[in-house]
Amino acid sequence: MISMLIYSCKQNEIELLKEISRDIMAFRTEERLEIMTFDNYADIDMKAIENVDLAYVDITDEHGLQVAKDLRAGFSDVEILIISDPTISPMVYLTPTVRAASLLLKPLNTSMIETSVKELFDSLQLASINEEEYFSFDDEKERRKIPYSNIAYFEARNRRVYIRVQNKEYGIYATLDTLEGELPDCFKRCHRSYIINTSYINKVWYSQNMILLSNDEEIPLSRSYKTVIKEVLKVEN
């Protein structure tokens, strides 16, 4: 599944982007396209969004630039297409906090949208060739792919393993012992019931056998895995 987010204060722009994106997607991949649309900044809850692969953000809206920054902060691999006009300096969005992949200048037309959307889909497909960047699994509805960078930890409970992604979780039939040998090096066992993404570690309380993650969750640390975590943090520092 490919996830797309569209932010614009103009409903006709949203509908045009949706229509063209769906048409292009149908000819280029069999993956399902999920489209989230917003015309009001207050309606966007980034913590409730699981993943965004592509985003079209209208920065002529007063909150558009902040939406782009929020997307980059929350989803480091997202391909962001900026919608702007000649009155806005490129210095506004050509920054590390946005890292725009492409630009559309108003007034929009079908031809320019088609060209930009095709380029973005091609870029996304090239980046997705390396499946090792994603954790793939089957849920009740479909095959899902979640970037490893979005996964905070894996937890074993009630005979299943749960994948924690922001404020959501997905249950799969697996074992931590099996996953431990398949996950990238940034994932380390810290407890018989947990494998954590070490890039999420904020603080470790060794005396309390506890790890604080950057999302403010506390994860238990077993004595037998303290050495592993200490070695990881020593290398990172």
Protein backbone atom coordinates (compact mmCIF):
# COMPACT_ATOMS: atom_id res chain seq x y z
CA MET A 1 0.00 0.00 0.00
CA ILE A 2 1.18 3.51 -0.85
CA SER A 3 -0.01 6.32 1.42
CA MET A 4 -0.55 9.82 0.09
CA LEU A 5 -1.45 13.01 1.93
CA ILE A 6 -2.87 16.08 0.20
CA TYR A 7 -3.14 19.44 1.97
CA SER A 8 -4.79 22.34 0.19
CA CYS A 9 -7.34 24.99 1.05
CA LYS A 10 -8.88 24.57 -2.40
CA GLN A 11 -11.14 21.55 -2.85
CA ASN A 12 -10.83 21.61 -6.65
CA GLU A 13 -7.04 21.20 -6.33
CA ILE A 14 -7.49 18.27 -3.97
CA GLU A 15 -9.90 16.52 -6.34
CA LEU A 16 -7.62 17.08 -9.35
CA LEU A 17 -4.58 15.69 -7.53
CA LYS A 18 -6.56 12.69 -6.33
CA GLU A 19 -7.92 11.88 -9.78
CA ILE A 20 -4.59 12.19 -11.59
CA SER A 21 -2.70 10.26 -8.89
CA ARG A 22 -5.17 7.36 -8.97
CA ASP A 23 -5.04 7.19 -12.78
CA ILE A 24 -1.22 7.16 -12.86
CA MET A 25 -1.03 4.68 -10.01
CA ALA A 26 -3.34 2.25 -11.81
CA PHE A 27 -0.93 2.02 -14.75
CA ARG A 28 2.27 1.71 -12.71
CA THR A 29 1.67 -0.66 -9.83
CA GLU A 30 -0.82 -3.13 -8.38
CA GLU A 31 -0.41 -1.67 -4.90
CA ARG A 32 -3.40 0.04 -3.35
CA LEU A 33 -3.28 3.83 -3.01
CA GLU A 34 -4.55 5.31 0.25
CA ILE A 35 -5.24 9.06 0.03
CA MET A 36 -5.72 11.33 3.04
CA THR A 37 -6.95 14.86 2.30
CA PHE A 38 -7.02 17.93 4.52
CA ASP A 39 -8.11 21.51 3.91
CA ASN A 40 -7.77 22.61 7.53
CA TYR A 41 -4.55 22.46 9.55
CA ALA A 42 -6.48 21.89 12.78
CA ASP A 43 -7.83 18.61 11.44
CA ILE A 44 -4.38 17.03 11.02
CA ASP A 45 -3.19 14.79 13.85
CA MET A 46 0.27 13.62 12.79
CA LYS A 47 0.49 11.15 15.68
CA ALA A 48 -2.60 9.36 14.38
CA ILE A 49 -1.14 8.91 10.89
CA GLU A 50 0.71 5.62 10.45
CA ASN A 51 2.78 6.46 7.38
CA VAL A 52 3.04 8.89 4.47
CA ASP A 53 4.94 8.01 1.29
CA LEU A 54 3.90 10.97 -0.85
CA ALA A 55 2.56 14.39 0.12
CA TYR A 56 1.25 17.35 -1.85
CA VAL A 57 1.29 20.49 0.27
CA ASP A 58 -0.06 23.90 -0.73
CA ILE A 59 2.15 26.46 1.02
CA THR A 60 0.11 29.39 -0.28
CA ASP A 61 -2.17 28.51 2.62
CA GLU A 62 -1.02 30.17 5.86
CA HIS A 63 -0.43 26.80 7.55
CA GLY A 64 0.94 24.93 4.53
CA LEU A 65 4.62 25.39 5.31
CA GLN A 66 4.08 24.07 8.84
CA VAL A 67 2.31 21.01 7.42
CA ALA A 68 5.37 20.32 5.23
CA LYS A 69 7.70 20.68 8.23
CA ASP A 70 5.51 18.42 10.36
CA LEU A 71 5.54 15.78 7.64
CA ARG A 72 9.33 15.89 7.30
CA ALA A 73 9.75 15.67 11.08
CA GLY A 74 7.36 12.75 11.40
CA PHE A 75 8.19 10.80 8.23
CA SER A 76 11.82 11.23 7.19
CA ASP A 77 11.43 9.35 3.88
CA VAL A 78 8.29 11.09 2.63
CA GLU A 79 8.44 12.58 -0.89
CA ILE A 80 7.00 16.10 -0.58
CA LEU A 81 5.63 18.00 -3.57
CA ILE A 82 5.24 21.69 -2.79
CA ILE A 83 2.44 23.71 -4.39
CA SER A 84 3.41 27.39 -4.45
CA ASP A 85 3.21 30.55 -6.55
CA PRO A 86 5.77 33.06 -7.89
CA THR A 87 5.25 35.40 -4.92
CA ILE A 88 6.79 32.90 -2.47
CA SER A 89 10.60 32.70 -2.34
CA PRO A 90 12.10 29.22 -2.90
CA MET A 91 14.22 29.86 0.22
CA VAL A 92 11.06 29.21 2.24
CA TYR A 93 10.84 25.53 1.26
CA LEU A 94 14.38 24.69 0.08
CA THR A 95 15.43 23.94 3.64
CA PRO A 96 16.42 20.79 5.58
CA THR A 97 13.18 21.02 7.56
CA VAL A 98 11.15 20.54 4.37
CA ARG A 99 13.43 18.97 1.72
CA ALA A 100 10.91 19.28 -1.09
CA ALA A 101 11.22 16.68 -3.85
CA SER A 102 9.31 18.66 -6.46
CA LEU A 103 7.44 21.91 -7.08
CA LEU A 104 4.19 22.92 -8.73
CA LEU A 105 3.56 26.61 -9.43
CA LYS A 106 0.06 28.01 -9.61
CA PRO A 107 -2.07 28.28 -11.61
CA LEU A 108 -2.15 24.48 -11.83
CA ASN A 109 -3.04 22.56 -14.95
CA THR A 110 -3.49 18.88 -15.72
CA SER A 111 -0.30 18.53 -17.76
CA MET A 112 2.06 19.89 -15.11
CA ILE A 113 0.40 17.81 -12.39
CA GLU A 114 0.72 14.63 -14.46
CA THR A 115 4.43 15.25 -15.05
CA SER A 116 5.18 15.89 -11.37
CA VAL A 117 3.10 13.00 -10.12
CA LYS A 118 4.79 10.57 -12.54
CA GLU A 119 8.22 11.74 -11.38
CA LEU A 120 7.25 11.29 -7.73
CA PHE A 121 5.84 7.81 -8.28
CA ASP A 122 8.98 6.81 -10.19
CA SER A 123 11.14 8.14 -7.36
CA LEU A 124 9.08 6.28 -4.78
CA GLN A 125 9.25 3.01 -6.71
CA LEU A 126 13.03 3.25 -7.05
CA ALA A 127 13.38 3.89 -3.34
CA SER A 128 11.11 0.95 -2.58
CA ILE A 129 13.21 -1.56 -4.53
CA ASN A 130 15.26 -2.15 -1.41
CA GLU A 131 12.72 -4.16 0.60
CA GLU A 132 15.14 -4.34 3.54
CA GLU A 133 14.05 -0.80 4.46
CA TYR A 134 10.56 -2.08 5.27
CA PHE A 135 8.99 -4.62 7.59
CA SER A 136 6.37 -6.51 5.59
CA PHE A 137 3.51 -8.51 7.06
CA ASP A 138 -0.05 -9.61 6.36
CA ASP A 139 -2.89 -8.23 8.44
CA GLU A 140 -6.55 -9.16 8.18
CA LYS A 141 -7.08 -7.06 5.05
CA GLU A 142 -3.89 -6.85 3.01
CA ARG A 143 -0.12 -6.95 2.76
CA ARG A 144 1.42 -4.05 4.66
CA LYS A 145 4.88 -2.48 4.56
CA ILE A 146 6.08 -0.25 7.39
CA PRO A 147 9.42 1.56 7.23
CA TYR A 148 11.70 0.23 9.96
CA SER A 149 12.39 3.82 10.97
CA ASN A 150 8.72 4.18 12.01
CA ILE A 151 8.73 1.15 14.31
CA ALA A 152 9.51 1.89 17.97
CA TYR A 153 9.47 -1.71 19.22
CA PHE A 154 8.10 -5.23 18.94
CA GLU A 155 6.30 -6.66 21.99
CA ALA A 156 5.37 -10.28 22.61
CA ARG A 157 2.15 -10.82 24.53
CA ASN A 158 -0.86 -13.10 24.41
CA ARG A 159 0.84 -15.49 21.97
CA ARG A 160 1.33 -12.78 19.36
CA VAL A 161 3.91 -10.11 18.52
CA TYR A 162 2.71 -6.52 18.39
CA ILE A 163 4.41 -3.89 16.22
CA ARG A 164 4.33 -0.45 17.81
CA VAL A 165 4.10 2.45 15.32
CA GLN A 166 3.51 5.84 16.96
CA ASN A 167 0.17 5.43 18.77
CA LYS A 168 -0.90 2.35 16.79
CA GLU A 169 -0.03 -1.31 16.98
CA TYR A 170 -0.42 -4.30 14.68
CA GLY A 171 -0.54 -7.90 15.82
CA ILE A 172 1.22 -10.64 13.88
CA TYR A 173 1.82 -14.33 14.41
CA ALA A 174 5.57 -14.57 14.97
CA THR A 175 8.12 -14.97 17.73
CA LEU A 176 10.70 -12.51 18.98
CA ASP A 177 13.36 -15.21 18.68
CA THR A 178 12.70 -15.44 14.93
CA LEU A 179 12.44 -11.67 14.44
CA GLU A 180 15.64 -11.06 16.37
CA GLY A 181 17.64 -12.76 13.63
CA GLU A 182 15.84 -11.00 10.76
CA LEU A 183 15.63 -7.36 11.84
CA PRO A 184 18.20 -4.64 11.01
CA ASP A 185 21.04 -3.99 13.45
CA CYS A 186 19.27 -1.01 15.01
CA PHE A 187 16.79 -3.41 16.65
CA LYS A 188 18.03 -5.04 19.85
CA ARG A 189 16.49 -7.38 22.39
CA CYS A 190 16.18 -5.67 25.77
CA HIS A 191 13.76 -8.06 27.48
CA ARG A 192 12.24 -11.47 26.83
CA SER A 193 9.08 -9.65 25.67
CA TYR A 194 10.62 -6.70 23.81
CA ILE A 195 12.83 -5.84 20.84
CA ILE A 196 13.36 -2.09 20.58
CA ASN A 197 14.52 0.25 17.86
CA THR A 198 17.62 1.69 19.53
CA SER A 199 17.28 4.94 17.58
CA TYR A 200 14.21 5.63 19.75
CA ILE A 201 16.16 5.40 23.02
CA ASN A 202 16.01 8.66 24.96
CA LYS A 203 17.41 7.56 28.32
CA VAL A 204 18.33 4.37 30.15
CA TRP A 205 17.90 3.89 33.90
CA TYR A 206 20.12 0.88 34.55
CA SER A 207 19.46 0.90 38.29
CA GLN A 208 15.72 0.78 37.64
CA ASN A 209 15.96 -1.68 34.72
CA MET A 210 14.03 0.70 32.49
CA ILE A 211 14.43 2.35 29.08
CA LEU A 212 12.70 5.63 28.19
CA LEU A 213 11.91 5.98 24.50
CA SER A 214 11.63 9.23 22.57
CA ASN A 215 7.85 8.75 22.42
CA ASP A 216 7.83 8.80 26.28
CA GLU A 217 7.05 5.09 26.62
CA GLU A 218 8.93 3.12 29.27
CA ILE A 219 10.22 -0.31 28.27
CA PRO A 220 11.61 -2.87 30.76
CA LEU A 221 15.29 -3.78 30.55
CA SER A 222 16.35 -7.24 31.70
CA ARG A 223 19.67 -7.67 33.47
CA SER A 224 20.75 -10.21 30.87
CA TYR A 225 20.40 -7.60 28.10
CA LYS A 226 22.02 -4.62 29.84
CA THR A 227 25.38 -5.32 28.24
CA VAL A 228 23.80 -5.33 24.77
CA ILE A 229 22.18 -1.93 25.30
CA LYS A 230 25.34 -0.47 26.84
CA GLU A 231 27.38 -1.57 23.83
CA VAL A 232 24.89 -0.03 21.41
CA LEU A 233 24.87 3.31 23.21
CA LYS A 234 28.68 3.30 23.51
CA VAL A 235 29.01 2.85 19.71
CA GLU A 236 26.43 5.57 18.98
CA ASN A 237 28.18 8.04 21.28
